[in-house]
N, C-alpha and C. Protein backbone atom coordinates (compact mmCIF):
# COMPACT_ATOMS: atom_id res chain seq x y z
N MET A 1 -6.39 8.32 -2.92
CA MET A 1 -5.96 6.93 -2.32
C MET A 1 -5.23 7.10 -1.03
N MET A 2 -4.62 8.26 -0.78
CA MET A 2 -3.67 8.60 0.37
C MET A 2 -4.95 8.77 1.84
N ASN A 3 -5.87 9.51 1.62
CA ASN A 3 -6.78 9.59 2.54
C ASN A 3 -7.34 7.75 3.52
N THR A 4 -7.31 7.29 1.99
CA THR A 4 -7.67 5.82 2.96
C THR A 4 -6.55 5.05 3.40
N ILE A 5 -5.55 5.55 3.11
CA ILE A 5 -4.42 4.79 3.95
C ILE A 5 -4.66 5.09 5.36
N TRP A 6 -5.02 6.70 5.44
CA TRP A 6 -4.66 7.06 6.77
C TRP A 6 -5.95 6.76 7.39
N ILE A 7 -6.90 6.60 6.93
CA ILE A 7 -8.21 6.09 7.27
C ILE A 7 -7.89 4.65 8.16
N ILE A 8 -7.37 3.86 7.30
CA ILE A 8 -6.94 2.82 7.76
C ILE A 8 -6.32 2.71 9.02
N LEU A 9 -5.15 3.21 8.98
CA LEU A 9 -4.48 3.20 10.05
C LEU A 9 -5.00 3.95 11.05
N ALA A 10 -5.90 5.06 11.02
CA ALA A 10 -6.48 5.63 12.54
C ALA A 10 -7.49 4.60 12.65
N VAL A 11 -8.11 3.56 12.14
CA VAL A 11 -9.01 2.45 12.67
C VAL A 11 -7.95 1.60 13.70
N ILE A 12 -7.06 0.96 12.94
CA ILE A 12 -6.24 0.12 13.29
C ILE A 12 -5.46 0.96 14.71
N SER A 13 -5.26 2.10 14.96
CA SER A 13 -4.64 2.93 15.98
C SER A 13 -5.88 2.73 16.96
N ILE A 14 -7.21 3.63 16.91
CA ILE A 14 -8.48 3.35 17.89
C ILE A 14 -8.39 1.65 18.02
N LEU A 15 -8.39 0.85 17.38
CA LEU A 15 -8.60 -0.67 17.68
C LEU A 15 -7.33 -1.02 18.90
N LEU A 16 -6.23 -0.51 18.50
CA LEU A 16 -4.93 -0.96 19.68
C LEU A 16 -5.31 0.07 21.07
N LEU A 17 -5.96 1.20 20.47
CA LEU A 17 -5.92 2.18 21.97
C LEU A 17 -6.75 1.38 22.80
N ILE A 18 -7.81 1.06 22.07
CA ILE A 18 -9.32 0.38 23.33
C ILE A 18 -8.36 -1.28 23.41
N LYS A 19 -7.89 -2.03 22.86
CA LYS A 19 -7.23 -3.34 23.14
C LYS A 19 -6.43 -3.06 24.67
N TYR A 20 -5.08 -1.70 24.39
CA TYR A 20 -4.60 -1.71 25.40
C TYR A 20 -4.77 -0.42 26.62
N PHE A 21 -6.25 -0.48 26.95
CA PHE A 21 -6.82 0.71 27.65
C PHE A 21 -6.73 0.52 29.16
N LYS A 22 -6.78 -0.51 29.58
CA LYS A 22 -6.71 -0.98 30.81
C LYS A 22 -5.49 -0.64 31.47
N THR A 23 -4.48 -0.59 30.89
CA THR A 23 -2.62 -0.66 31.89
C THR A 23 -1.96 0.55 30.76
N LYS A 24 -1.17 0.95 31.83
CA LYS A 24 -0.07 1.81 31.57
C LYS A 24 0.81 1.00 30.61
N ASN A 25 0.70 1.73 29.09
CA ASN A 25 2.00 1.20 28.09
C ASN A 25 2.29 1.77 27.39
N ALA A 26 3.07 1.43 26.19
CA ALA A 26 3.64 2.19 25.82
C ALA A 26 2.84 2.97 24.43
N VAL A 27 1.53 2.33 24.05
CA VAL A 27 0.56 2.50 23.32
C VAL A 27 -0.14 3.88 23.34
N TRP A 28 -0.58 4.12 24.59
CA TRP A 28 -0.85 4.74 24.99
C TRP A 28 0.28 6.49 25.31
N GLY A 29 1.43 5.88 25.70
CA GLY A 29 2.24 6.71 25.78
C GLY A 29 2.49 7.38 24.28
N GLY A 30 2.92 6.16 23.25
CA GLY A 30 2.96 6.74 21.91
C GLY A 30 1.88 8.00 21.57
N PHE A 31 0.55 7.72 22.03
CA PHE A 31 -0.37 8.10 21.23
C PHE A 31 -0.25 9.82 22.22
N SER A 32 -0.08 9.66 23.34
CA SER A 32 -0.09 10.96 23.74
C SER A 32 0.97 11.66 23.44
N ILE A 33 2.22 11.41 23.40
CA ILE A 33 3.21 11.87 22.97
C ILE A 33 3.20 12.53 21.29
N GLY A 34 2.44 11.93 20.62
CA GLY A 34 2.24 11.93 19.15
C GLY A 34 1.21 13.47 19.31
N ALA A 35 -0.21 12.90 20.04
CA ALA A 35 -0.84 13.90 19.96
C ALA A 35 0.06 15.44 20.30
N ILE A 36 0.81 15.69 21.60
CA ILE A 36 1.33 16.92 21.82
C ILE A 36 2.30 17.33 20.74
N ILE A 37 3.05 16.75 20.18
CA ILE A 37 4.04 16.49 19.16
C ILE A 37 2.95 16.93 17.73
N GLY A 38 2.20 16.70 17.50
CA GLY A 38 1.59 16.93 16.45
C GLY A 38 0.55 18.66 16.80
N LEU A 39 0.26 18.84 17.88
CA LEU A 39 -0.07 19.94 18.73
C LEU A 39 0.80 21.31 17.91
N ILE A 40 2.10 20.79 18.54
CA ILE A 40 2.91 21.84 18.47
C ILE A 40 3.43 22.34 17.20
N VAL A 41 3.86 20.80 16.17
CA VAL A 41 3.64 21.05 14.64
C VAL A 41 2.84 21.86 14.08
N ALA A 42 1.28 21.66 14.24
CA ALA A 42 -0.01 22.32 13.70
C ALA A 42 0.06 23.68 14.09
N VAL A 43 0.79 24.42 15.17
CA VAL A 43 0.59 25.88 15.56
C VAL A 43 1.91 26.51 14.62
N ILE A 44 3.26 25.64 14.84
CA ILE A 44 4.02 25.98 13.78
C ILE A 44 3.70 26.39 12.53
N VAL A 45 3.10 25.32 11.98
CA VAL A 45 2.63 25.67 10.43
C VAL A 45 1.60 26.55 10.70
N PHE A 46 0.65 26.84 11.26
CA PHE A 46 -0.66 27.93 11.40
C PHE A 46 0.49 29.59 11.68
N LEU A 47 1.41 29.56 12.55
CA LEU A 47 2.32 30.76 12.35
C LEU A 47 2.66 30.64 11.29
N ILE A 48 3.23 29.73 10.33
CA ILE A 48 4.08 30.39 9.27
C ILE A 48 3.06 30.70 8.22
N GLY A 49 1.81 30.60 8.35
CA GLY A 49 0.95 31.36 7.61
C GLY A 49 0.15 30.09 6.63
N ASN A 50 0.07 28.72 6.98
CA ASN A 50 -0.80 28.12 6.08
C ASN A 50 -1.95 27.46 7.17
N GLY A 51 -2.44 28.10 7.87
CA GLY A 51 -3.49 27.69 8.25
C GLY A 51 -3.76 26.42 9.82
N PHE A 52 -4.66 26.20 10.43
CA PHE A 52 -4.56 25.39 11.47
C PHE A 52 -4.49 23.87 11.07
N LYS A 53 -4.09 23.02 10.65
CA LYS A 53 -4.45 21.76 10.34
C LYS A 53 -4.70 21.07 11.21
N TRP A 54 -6.03 20.59 11.61
CA TRP A 54 -6.32 19.43 12.83
C TRP A 54 -5.91 18.15 11.98
N SER A 55 -5.94 17.83 10.73
CA SER A 55 -5.34 16.55 10.33
C SER A 55 -3.88 16.06 10.70
N LEU A 56 -3.39 17.16 10.71
CA LEU A 56 -2.01 17.21 10.95
C LEU A 56 -1.59 16.52 12.80
N ILE A 57 -2.70 17.25 13.37
CA ILE A 57 -2.62 16.35 15.08
C ILE A 57 -2.81 14.98 14.80
N GLY A 58 -4.10 14.35 14.07
CA GLY A 58 -4.40 13.17 14.30
C GLY A 58 -3.42 12.46 13.50
N LYS A 59 -2.82 13.08 12.17
CA LYS A 59 -1.90 12.29 11.69
C LYS A 59 -0.47 11.71 12.37
N ILE A 60 0.08 12.55 13.02
CA ILE A 60 0.93 12.15 13.89
C ILE A 60 0.71 11.48 15.43
N ALA A 61 -0.69 11.81 15.81
CA ALA A 61 -0.93 11.08 16.82
C ALA A 61 -0.68 9.50 16.86
N VAL A 62 -1.53 9.25 15.09
CA VAL A 62 -1.49 7.67 14.95
C VAL A 62 -0.38 6.93 15.07
N VAL A 63 0.63 7.78 14.10
CA VAL A 63 2.22 7.31 14.06
C VAL A 63 2.79 6.69 15.43
N GLY A 64 2.45 7.99 16.39
CA GLY A 64 3.03 7.81 17.51
C GLY A 64 2.36 6.66 18.32
N THR A 65 1.25 6.07 18.16
CA THR A 65 0.40 4.97 18.32
C THR A 65 0.76 4.23 18.03
N LEU A 66 1.52 3.75 16.34
CA LEU A 66 1.98 2.43 15.73
C LEU A 66 3.36 2.85 16.22
N ILE A 67 4.18 3.39 16.54
CA ILE A 67 5.16 3.13 17.29
C ILE A 67 5.20 2.86 18.80
N GLY A 68 4.19 3.32 19.35
CA GLY A 68 4.22 2.64 20.95
C GLY A 68 3.79 0.84 20.69
N PHE A 69 2.84 0.94 19.83
CA PHE A 69 2.43 -0.55 19.70
C PHE A 69 3.39 -1.58 19.17
N GLY A 70 4.61 -0.81 18.32
CA GLY A 70 6.05 -1.20 17.84
C GLY A 70 6.64 -1.64 18.95
N SER A 71 6.72 -0.81 20.02
CA SER A 71 7.49 -0.83 21.26
C SER A 71 7.06 -1.95 22.26
N GLU A 72 5.65 -1.94 22.28
CA GLU A 72 4.98 -3.13 22.84
C GLU A 72 5.37 -4.64 22.59
N LEU A 73 5.21 -4.73 20.74
CA LEU A 73 5.89 -5.90 20.12
C LEU A 73 7.15 -6.51 20.69
N LEU A 74 8.06 -5.44 20.94
CA LEU A 74 9.34 -6.05 20.94
C LEU A 74 9.56 -6.34 22.24
N THR A 75 8.93 -5.41 23.48
CA THR A 75 9.25 -5.78 24.61
C THR A 75 8.52 -7.24 24.85
N LYS A 76 7.48 -7.66 24.35
CA LYS A 76 7.13 -9.00 24.14
C LYS A 76 7.72 -10.25 23.65
N ILE A 77 8.23 -10.07 22.41
CA ILE A 77 9.09 -10.67 21.78
C ILE A 77 10.20 -10.99 22.64
N SER A 78 10.88 -9.85 23.05
CA SER A 78 12.21 -10.16 24.05
C SER A 78 11.97 -10.84 25.61
N TYR A 79 10.99 -10.82 25.75
CA TYR A 79 10.24 -11.57 27.10
C TYR A 79 10.36 -12.71 26.89
N HIS A 80 9.72 -13.14 25.44
CA HIS A 80 9.35 -14.26 25.14
C HIS A 80 10.82 -15.27 25.08
N LEU A 81 11.96 -14.30 24.15
CA LEU A 81 13.19 -14.76 23.80
C LEU A 81 14.33 -15.25 25.41
N LYS A 82 13.91 -14.50 26.09
CA LYS A 82 14.72 -14.42 27.04
C LYS A 82 14.33 -15.76 28.01
N ARG A 83 12.91 -15.75 28.14
CA ARG A 83 12.20 -16.75 28.75
C ARG A 83 12.74 -18.16 28.24
N ARG A 84 12.68 -18.56 27.05
CA ARG A 84 12.85 -19.42 26.26
C ARG A 84 14.26 -19.92 26.39
N ASN A 85 15.18 -19.02 26.33
CA ASN A 85 16.71 -19.31 26.23
C ASN A 85 17.27 -19.78 27.79
N SER A 86 16.26 -19.03 28.59
CA SER A 86 16.80 -19.63 30.15
C SER A 86 16.24 -20.95 30.70
N LYS A 87 15.40 -21.70 29.73
CA LYS A 87 14.95 -23.13 29.92
C LYS A 87 16.39 -23.74 29.46
């Protein structure tokens, strides 16, 4: 069950990355930071002795992408509300 959730989130993340491919935005920034943090955490887990976990990098990158998308949504909502209130 838990793997199914991560597969669904990964597909959503990939679709978001494709949709926001052409411009610099928070979605790609979240993915990049998530991948970097995931790599750091995976190396720490490896050094502790639990083995190197590639899935950990992917999961943290997916979470970073979704957080970046949330940031993009908040920016668009803020812009829309500001424009609506100025009329």
